[in-house]
Amino acid sequence: MSRALKTYLLVFAILIAVMIVIGQARQKPLDWSPSYYLDEKKPLDLYVLNQEIDRLFDDSVVRYSKSPFEYFQYQDSLDTPKETYLFIRESVYIDKGSTNKILNAVKQGSILLIASDGFDPYLTDTLQAICEYVSYSLPVLFNPHIGDRPGMKLKFSRQEWDDDEYIYSPVFGQYAFVHADTTSSTALGYMTLPNESEYISFMEFRFGEGKILLHNQPVAFSNYSLMSGEALQEYAERVLSYLPDQPVVWFVASQQYNERSQRSQLGVIFQYPALRMTWLIFVYGLIGFIFFTAKRKQRVVPVIKPVKNTTVEFVQTIGNLYFQEGNTSDIARKKIIYFLDRVRRTYNIDTQLTENKLIKRLCLKSGKEEELIKEIFSLIEKVNHQPQCSKQQLIQLGTLIDRFWEGS
């Protein structure tokens, strides 16, 4: 293992250790969002109630994960069994078809309990009740000191419980019943805001042979309330004590499934500290791996020698072949042909002219001595008319041609 790799691994290990220490030391702030999930342990979720409700109703609680309309779809509307239907959510807005199914079951003797900050207008209109938002001048503050928080008091109207008050701090829901048909309804509980204004918080509506119970403080059933002491536990138990001893159908679909399905996939990972830390270690490790190993491992590039110019060697070889053959006449004639061809291309002169005209034009265009040009053409004339060219004539011809092209 190279020294550089050891250094990288050491830095990476230190980074992971620092991340773990920071993650353990950092205190995660409480999430006060009113989600009311059954399997979550945030303050305003229902984990504690979900664990204890079976004990309160002798294991007769059924948690139904679909809409009420689907629940009643396969039941005989004229012979619906007597049951208790339970909703605990931040807001309960059910479609008209499902509401009618529930109301039909209540008419035949079932019980409906809804604990919510807001109710479906179709339901409240049917019950001839009005539930509105009520305000007060004091702000809602999540102060760590309970004594400094503005509190809300809840109490029951039942005579034997009339003296018991339950303080919830801070104030969560501020919806209250401001009007109801007194001929078919009864106020079961009240809430007193920090400014001492009192409103109805718990109502009972007689509907056919059954009853509808509406409670405007779902926080009473949250983890925060049930873990805050025996007094608030007692309040939740007393609210549930209004339910008869019969099977309970707890509709949890929208709060536990539909809303959670809207979360992103990575949101689930970041929700849990252990998964979040594992994910971050994986991501940072991958980035570190890419950073340290992304350098291109270049193979050795072979040295390619430049191509040698062998033109001179080639010419020398060809010349040696001709010279060894001893055919001086053929060599001389080729030198004459190449000389005349170069004259035509260089000076644009017709070499078919008479010798005198050709000599004069070549002398004018090339600027060479006329005697040199005459000597070249005189020797060319001799070679062309002799059957055999001597070596001395070939050497002389080559020398004269080289002199002519010097400086060109």
Protein backbone atom coordinates (compact mmCIF):
# COMPACT_ATOMS: atom_id res chain seq x y z
CA MET A 1 0.00 0.00 0.00
CA SER A 2 1.46 3.31 -1.08
CA ARG A 3 2.04 6.16 1.34
CA ALA A 4 -0.43 8.41 -0.50
CA LEU A 5 -3.18 5.78 -0.26
CA LYS A 6 -2.56 5.40 3.48
CA THR A 7 -2.89 9.16 3.88
CA TYR A 8 -6.18 9.20 1.97
CA LEU A 9 -7.61 6.36 4.07
CA LEU A 10 -6.56 8.09 7.29
CA VAL A 11 -8.21 11.36 6.24
CA PHE A 12 -11.37 9.49 5.25
CA ALA A 13 -11.49 7.65 8.60
CA ILE A 14 -11.06 10.92 10.50
CA LEU A 15 -13.85 12.49 8.44
CA ILE A 16 -16.23 9.63 9.27
CA ALA A 17 -15.35 9.85 12.97
CA VAL A 18 -15.98 13.60 13.02
CA MET A 19 -19.34 13.14 11.28
CA ILE A 20 -20.40 10.51 13.79
CA VAL A 21 -19.39 12.67 16.75
CA ILE A 22 -21.20 15.70 15.36
CA GLY A 23 -24.30 13.62 14.61
CA GLN A 24 -24.37 12.19 18.12
CA ALA A 25 -23.69 15.51 19.84
CA ARG A 26 -26.21 17.54 17.89
CA GLN A 27 -29.63 17.66 19.47
CA LYS A 28 -32.36 17.15 16.92
CA PRO A 29 -35.14 19.76 17.31
CA LEU A 30 -38.62 18.46 18.00
CA ASP A 31 -40.98 18.35 15.07
CA TRP A 32 -44.29 19.84 16.21
CA SER A 33 -46.10 19.29 12.92
CA PRO A 34 -49.60 17.86 13.55
CA SER A 35 -49.19 14.73 11.44
CA TYR A 36 -50.97 12.24 13.76
CA TYR A 37 -49.23 9.17 12.34
CA LEU A 38 -49.88 5.90 14.14
CA ASP A 39 -46.30 4.63 14.07
CA GLU A 40 -44.37 7.86 14.67
CA LYS A 41 -43.05 9.15 18.00
CA LYS A 42 -43.14 12.88 17.35
CA PRO A 43 -45.10 14.98 19.88
CA LEU A 44 -48.24 15.25 17.75
CA ASP A 45 -48.37 11.65 16.53
CA LEU A 46 -50.44 8.75 17.86
CA TYR A 47 -47.87 6.08 18.66
CA VAL A 48 -48.82 5.81 22.37
CA LEU A 49 -52.55 5.68 21.66
CA ASN A 50 -51.98 3.07 18.96
CA GLN A 51 -50.20 0.89 21.53
CA GLU A 52 -52.85 1.30 24.27
CA ILE A 53 -56.17 1.48 22.45
CA ASP A 54 -56.50 -2.30 22.11
CA ARG A 55 -56.31 -2.60 25.89
CA LEU A 56 -59.06 -0.01 26.32
CA PHE A 57 -61.46 -1.80 23.94
CA ASP A 58 -60.56 -5.44 24.65
CA ASP A 59 -58.72 -5.97 21.34
CA SER A 60 -61.80 -5.09 19.29
CA VAL A 61 -60.14 -2.27 17.32
CA VAL A 62 -59.76 -2.68 13.56
CA ARG A 63 -57.45 -0.23 11.79
CA TYR A 64 -58.87 0.31 8.32
CA SER A 65 -56.51 1.68 5.69
CA LYS A 66 -59.01 2.58 2.96
CA SER A 67 -61.81 5.08 2.55
CA PRO A 68 -65.12 4.70 4.43
CA PHE A 69 -66.91 4.33 1.09
CA GLU A 70 -64.93 1.16 0.34
CA TYR A 71 -65.55 -0.13 3.86
CA PHE A 72 -69.34 0.10 3.46
CA GLN A 73 -69.36 -0.93 -0.20
CA TYR A 74 -69.99 -4.63 0.46
CA GLN A 75 -72.29 -4.18 3.46
CA ASP A 76 -76.06 -4.27 3.39
CA SER A 77 -77.18 -0.68 3.92
CA LEU A 78 -80.36 -1.91 5.65
CA ASP A 79 -78.60 -4.26 8.05
CA THR A 80 -75.33 -2.58 9.07
CA PRO A 81 -73.78 -3.98 12.29
CA LYS A 82 -73.48 -1.63 15.24
CA GLU A 83 -69.91 -0.35 15.36
CA THR A 84 -67.89 2.65 16.50
CA TYR A 85 -66.15 4.67 13.77
CA LEU A 86 -63.10 6.61 14.91
CA PHE A 87 -61.23 9.46 13.19
CA ILE A 88 -58.29 11.29 14.84
CA ARG A 89 -56.62 13.71 12.45
CA GLU A 90 -55.64 17.32 12.04
CA SER A 91 -58.61 17.82 9.74
CA VAL A 92 -61.33 15.44 8.59
CA TYR A 93 -62.78 16.16 5.17
CA ILE A 94 -64.58 13.11 3.81
CA ASP A 95 -66.27 12.94 0.44
CA LYS A 96 -70.05 13.23 0.39
CA GLY A 97 -70.59 9.59 -0.57
CA SER A 98 -68.51 8.30 2.35
CA THR A 99 -70.21 10.71 4.76
CA ASN A 100 -73.63 9.44 3.71
CA LYS A 101 -72.50 5.84 4.23
CA ILE A 102 -71.33 6.66 7.76
CA LEU A 103 -74.48 8.63 8.59
CA ASN A 104 -76.64 5.74 7.39
CA ALA A 105 -74.75 3.39 9.73
CA VAL A 106 -75.14 5.86 12.63
CA LYS A 107 -78.90 6.02 12.03
CA GLN A 108 -79.00 2.26 12.64
CA GLY A 109 -77.24 2.53 16.01
CA SER A 110 -73.52 2.98 15.31
CA ILE A 111 -71.33 5.64 16.95
CA LEU A 112 -69.06 8.14 15.18
CA LEU A 113 -66.23 9.91 17.05
CA ILE A 114 -64.18 12.53 15.22
CA ALA A 115 -61.33 14.35 16.96
CA SER A 116 -60.08 17.04 14.60
CA ASP A 117 -59.16 20.70 14.25
CA GLY A 118 -61.61 21.00 11.37
CA PHE A 119 -64.75 19.20 10.25
CA ASP A 120 -66.31 18.59 6.86
CA PRO A 121 -68.85 21.39 6.14
CA TYR A 122 -71.29 18.82 4.73
CA LEU A 123 -71.26 16.98 8.07
CA THR A 124 -71.66 20.10 10.22
CA ASP A 125 -74.45 21.39 7.96
CA THR A 126 -76.24 18.06 8.31
CA LEU A 127 -75.93 18.31 12.10
CA GLN A 128 -76.95 22.01 12.05
CA ALA A 129 -73.77 23.03 13.85
CA ILE A 130 -71.22 25.77 13.21
CA CYS A 131 -67.54 25.37 14.06
CA GLU A 132 -65.34 28.44 13.64
CA TYR A 133 -61.80 29.60 14.35
CA VAL A 134 -61.60 31.62 17.57
CA SER A 135 -58.67 33.89 18.36
CA TYR A 136 -57.22 35.56 21.41
CA SER A 137 -54.61 38.26 21.88
CA LEU A 138 -51.84 36.18 23.50
CA PRO A 139 -49.33 34.57 21.10
CA VAL A 140 -48.74 30.83 20.88
CA LEU A 141 -45.16 30.18 22.04
CA PHE A 142 -43.26 26.90 22.42
CA ASN A 143 -41.38 28.09 25.49
CA PRO A 144 -39.30 25.36 27.19
CA HIS A 145 -40.61 26.48 30.58
CA ILE A 146 -44.15 25.18 30.93
CA GLY A 147 -45.05 27.84 33.46
CA ASP A 148 -44.30 30.57 30.92
CA ARG A 149 -46.52 29.12 28.18
CA PRO A 150 -50.07 30.35 27.67
CA GLY A 151 -52.28 27.38 28.51
CA MET A 152 -55.72 26.19 27.52
CA LYS A 153 -58.09 24.51 29.99
CA LEU A 154 -60.37 21.64 29.05
CA LYS A 155 -63.16 20.26 31.21
CA PHE A 156 -66.25 18.08 30.97
CA SER A 157 -69.84 19.11 31.53
CA ARG A 158 -70.69 15.89 33.36
CA GLN A 159 -71.52 16.70 36.97
CA GLU A 160 -69.16 14.20 38.58
CA TRP A 161 -66.25 15.54 36.48
CA ASP A 162 -67.24 19.20 36.57
CA ASP A 163 -64.50 20.25 38.99
CA ASP A 164 -61.66 18.61 37.05
CA GLU A 165 -59.70 20.88 34.71
CA TYR A 166 -57.02 19.73 32.29
CA ILE A 167 -54.41 22.26 31.18
CA TYR A 168 -52.85 21.96 27.73
CA SER A 169 -49.87 24.19 27.10
CA PRO A 170 -49.32 25.66 24.61
CA VAL A 171 -52.65 26.13 22.84
CA PHE A 172 -52.90 24.00 19.71
CA GLY A 173 -56.35 23.88 18.08
CA GLN A 174 -58.44 27.05 18.14
CA TYR A 175 -61.61 25.84 16.43
CA ALA A 176 -64.72 25.76 18.61
CA PHE A 177 -68.44 25.16 18.30
CA VAL A 178 -70.23 28.50 18.26
CA HIS A 179 -73.70 27.21 17.37
CA ALA A 180 -75.61 23.91 17.47
CA ASP A 181 -79.20 22.68 17.46
CA THR A 182 -79.86 22.17 21.17
CA THR A 183 -82.82 19.87 20.50
CA SER A 184 -80.55 17.18 19.06
CA SER A 185 -77.17 17.96 20.62
CA THR A 186 -75.49 18.16 24.01
CA ALA A 187 -72.31 19.96 25.05
CA LEU A 188 -70.02 17.38 26.68
CA GLY A 189 -66.96 19.56 27.22
CA TYR A 190 -65.62 23.10 27.16
CA MET A 191 -62.31 24.82 26.54
CA THR A 192 -61.08 28.04 28.13
CA LEU A 193 -58.50 30.05 26.21
CA PRO A 194 -55.76 32.11 27.93
CA ASN A 195 -57.92 35.24 27.67
CA GLU A 196 -60.59 33.44 29.79
CA SER A 197 -63.04 33.13 26.87
CA GLU A 198 -64.92 29.82 27.00
CA TYR A 199 -66.19 27.75 24.06
CA ILE A 200 -67.69 24.32 23.49
CA SER A 201 -65.01 21.80 22.52
CA PHE A 202 -66.83 18.46 22.78
CA MET A 203 -70.30 17.88 21.32
CA GLU A 204 -72.71 14.95 21.15
CA PHE A 205 -75.29 14.82 18.35
CA ARG A 206 -78.15 12.33 18.42
CA PHE A 207 -78.67 10.98 14.93
CA GLY A 208 -81.29 8.29 14.44
CA GLU A 209 -80.57 5.42 16.80
CA GLY A 210 -76.89 6.33 17.07
CA LYS A 211 -74.70 9.23 18.13
CA ILE A 212 -72.04 11.47 16.62
CA LEU A 213 -69.29 12.78 18.92
CA LEU A 214 -67.18 15.71 17.68
CA HIS A 215 -64.08 16.82 19.58
CA ASN A 216 -62.04 19.80 18.39
CA GLN A 217 -58.76 18.90 20.17
CA PRO A 218 -57.03 15.88 18.54
CA VAL A 219 -53.94 16.90 20.54
CA ALA A 220 -55.65 15.28 23.55
CA PHE A 221 -54.79 11.87 22.03
CA SER A 222 -51.25 12.72 20.88
CA ASN A 223 -47.96 11.40 22.23
CA TYR A 224 -47.33 14.82 23.77
CA SER A 225 -50.50 14.69 25.86
CA LEU A 226 -50.43 11.02 26.83
CA MET A 227 -46.80 11.32 27.96
CA SER A 228 -47.30 14.58 29.89
CA GLY A 229 -48.76 13.06 33.03
CA GLU A 230 -51.66 11.10 34.44
CA ALA A 231 -54.05 14.05 34.31
CA LEU A 232 -53.97 14.36 30.52
CA GLN A 233 -54.06 10.57 30.17
CA GLU A 234 -57.22 10.62 32.25
CA TYR A 235 -58.80 13.23 29.97
CA ALA A 236 -58.22 11.06 26.86
CA GLU A 237 -59.61 7.99 28.65
CA ARG A 238 -62.72 9.90 29.72
CA VAL A 239 -63.38 11.07 26.15
CA LEU A 240 -63.08 7.49 24.91
CA SER A 241 -65.32 6.31 27.75
CA TYR A 242 -68.28 7.86 25.91
CA LEU A 243 -67.92 5.07 23.36
CA PRO A 244 -70.01 1.94 24.01
CA ASP A 245 -68.60 -1.57 24.31
CA GLN A 246 -68.73 -2.58 20.66
CA PRO A 247 -66.23 -3.13 17.80
CA VAL A 248 -64.20 -0.06 16.82
CA VAL A 249 -63.21 0.73 13.23
CA TRP A 250 -60.35 3.23 13.21
CA PHE A 251 -60.05 4.89 9.81
CA VAL A 252 -56.36 5.67 9.41
CA ALA A 253 -55.92 5.62 5.62
CA SER A 254 -55.41 9.30 4.84
CA GLN A 255 -53.16 10.05 7.80
CA GLN A 256 -50.97 6.96 7.71
CA TYR A 257 -50.77 6.03 4.05
CA ASN A 258 -51.85 8.75 1.66
CA GLU A 259 -49.91 11.59 3.26
CA ARG A 260 -46.82 9.47 3.83
CA SER A 261 -46.86 8.29 0.22
CA GLN A 262 -46.31 11.92 -0.78
CA ARG A 263 -42.95 11.98 0.97
CA SER A 264 -39.91 11.65 -1.19
CA GLN A 265 -37.92 8.43 -1.07
CA LEU A 266 -34.90 10.23 0.33
CA GLY A 267 -37.17 11.84 2.92
CA VAL A 268 -37.56 8.44 4.58
CA ILE A 269 -33.78 8.08 4.80
CA PHE A 270 -33.29 11.52 6.33
CA GLN A 271 -36.13 10.93 8.77
CA TYR A 272 -34.09 8.45 10.82
CA PRO A 273 -30.68 9.56 12.21
CA ALA A 274 -29.00 6.18 11.69
CA LEU A 275 -30.10 5.92 8.05
CA ARG A 276 -29.21 9.55 7.49
CA MET A 277 -25.68 9.06 8.84
CA THR A 278 -25.22 5.87 6.79
CA TRP A 279 -26.37 7.65 3.64
CA LEU A 280 -24.05 10.61 4.22
CA ILE A 281 -21.07 8.32 4.86
CA PHE A 282 -21.84 6.48 1.62
CA VAL A 283 -22.16 9.70 -0.40
CA TYR A 284 -19.03 11.32 1.04
CA GLY A 285 -17.10 8.08 0.65
CA LEU A 286 -18.15 7.82 -2.98
CA ILE A 287 -17.11 11.43 -3.61
CA GLY A 288 -13.74 10.79 -1.94
CA PHE A 289 -13.21 7.62 -3.96
CA ILE A 290 -13.96 9.43 -7.22
CA PHE A 291 -11.73 12.35 -6.25
CA PHE A 292 -8.69 10.25 -5.36
CA THR A 293 -9.00 7.61 -8.08
CA ALA A 294 -10.20 9.75 -10.96
CA LYS A 295 -6.64 10.55 -12.02
CA ARG A 296 -6.06 8.92 -15.39
CA LYS A 297 -3.60 6.08 -15.11
CA GLN A 298 -1.64 6.78 -18.30
CA ARG A 299 0.26 3.92 -19.86
CA VAL A 300 3.78 4.42 -21.12
CA VAL A 301 3.69 6.10 -24.51
CA PRO A 302 6.26 4.53 -26.83
CA VAL A 303 8.75 6.88 -28.47
CA ILE A 304 8.00 6.98 -32.18
CA LYS A 305 11.02 8.08 -34.19
CA PRO A 306 10.27 10.48 -37.03
CA VAL A 307 10.32 9.05 -40.52
CA LYS A 308 13.73 9.55 -42.09
CA ASN A 309 13.99 11.37 -45.39
CA THR A 310 15.56 8.72 -47.62
CA THR A 311 15.20 10.65 -50.86
CA VAL A 312 18.95 11.27 -51.11
CA GLU A 313 19.74 7.64 -50.40
CA PHE A 314 17.20 6.58 -53.00
CA VAL A 315 18.70 8.83 -55.64
CA GLN A 316 22.18 7.64 -54.79
CA THR A 317 21.05 4.04 -55.04
CA ILE A 318 19.44 4.57 -58.44
CA GLY A 319 22.51 6.47 -59.62
CA ASN A 320 24.79 3.69 -58.49
CA LEU A 321 22.68 1.15 -60.37
CA TYR A 322 22.94 3.13 -63.58
CA PHE A 323 26.65 3.73 -63.01
CA GLN A 324 27.33 0.07 -62.38
CA GLU A 325 25.49 -0.82 -65.57
CA GLY A 326 27.83 1.53 -67.40
CA ASN A 327 25.06 2.87 -69.67
CA THR A 328 26.28 6.47 -69.70
CA SER A 329 24.24 7.38 -72.79
CA ASP A 330 20.95 6.49 -71.07
CA ILE A 331 21.95 8.48 -67.99
CA ALA A 332 22.90 11.49 -70.10
CA ARG A 333 19.63 11.41 -72.05
CA LYS A 334 17.58 11.25 -68.80
CA LYS A 335 19.53 14.19 -67.37
CA ILE A 336 18.79 16.13 -70.58
CA ILE A 337 15.07 15.26 -70.37
CA TYR A 338 14.87 16.32 -66.69
CA PHE A 339 16.81 19.53 -67.43
CA LEU A 340 14.51 20.58 -70.28
CA ASP A 341 11.41 19.67 -68.26
CA ARG A 342 12.57 21.83 -65.36
CA VAL A 343 13.31 24.71 -67.76
CA ARG A 344 9.76 24.49 -69.12
CA ARG A 345 8.19 24.43 -65.63
CA THR A 346 10.47 27.09 -64.12
CA TYR A 347 10.68 29.65 -66.90
CA ASN A 348 7.62 28.74 -68.99
CA ILE A 349 9.70 28.42 -72.16
CA ASP A 350 8.91 26.18 -75.09
CA THR A 351 11.97 23.94 -75.46
CA GLN A 352 10.95 23.00 -79.04
CA LEU A 353 12.18 26.36 -80.33
CA THR A 354 15.30 26.62 -82.42
CA GLU A 355 18.49 26.50 -80.47
CA ASN A 356 19.36 30.19 -80.90
CA LYS A 357 15.90 31.44 -79.86
CA LEU A 358 15.82 29.03 -76.93
CA ILE A 359 19.26 30.17 -75.74
CA LYS A 360 18.33 33.87 -75.92
CA ARG A 361 15.00 33.45 -74.07
CA LEU A 362 16.56 31.25 -71.40
CA CYS A 363 19.36 33.76 -70.94
CA LEU A 364 16.87 36.61 -70.51
CA LYS A 365 14.57 34.78 -68.09
CA SER A 366 17.18 33.00 -66.01
CA GLY A 367 19.77 35.77 -65.87
CA LYS A 368 22.56 33.22 -66.41
CA GLU A 369 25.62 33.77 -68.59
CA GLU A 370 24.95 33.20 -72.26
CA GLU A 371 28.25 31.33 -72.67
CA LEU A 372 27.20 28.80 -70.01
CA ILE A 373 23.85 28.23 -71.70
CA LYS A 374 25.47 27.86 -75.15
CA GLU A 375 27.95 25.36 -73.72
CA ILE A 376 25.11 23.29 -72.18
CA PHE A 377 23.05 23.15 -75.37
CA SER A 378 26.15 22.46 -77.48
CA LEU A 379 26.97 19.47 -75.30
CA ILE A 380 23.32 18.34 -75.42
CA GLU A 381 23.47 18.46 -79.22
CA LYS A 382 26.60 16.28 -79.25
CA VAL A 383 25.15 13.70 -76.87
CA ASN A 384 21.91 13.44 -78.84
CA HIS A 385 23.74 12.79 -82.11
CA GLN A 386 26.37 10.37 -80.78
CA PRO A 387 25.60 6.67 -80.48
CA GLN A 388 27.57 6.45 -77.25
CA CYS A 389 28.22 9.08 -74.56
CA SER A 390 31.56 8.96 -72.83
CA LYS A 391 32.04 9.23 -69.10
CA GLN A 392 33.86 12.54 -69.49
CA GLN A 393 30.93 13.99 -71.44
CA LEU A 394 28.44 12.72 -68.79
CA ILE A 395 30.48 14.29 -65.99
CA GLN A 396 30.83 17.53 -67.94
CA LEU A 397 27.06 17.60 -68.64
CA GLY A 398 26.22 17.09 -64.96
CA THR A 399 28.69 19.80 -63.92
CA LEU A 400 27.29 22.36 -66.39
CA ILE A 401 23.67 21.66 -65.39
CA ASP A 402 24.55 22.00 -61.68
CA ARG A 403 26.27 25.34 -62.40
CA PHE A 404 23.15 26.54 -64.23
CA TRP A 405 20.83 25.74 -61.35
CA GLU A 406 23.07 27.17 -58.65
CA GLY A 407 21.25 29.96 -56.82
CA SER A 408 17.91 29.16 -58.45
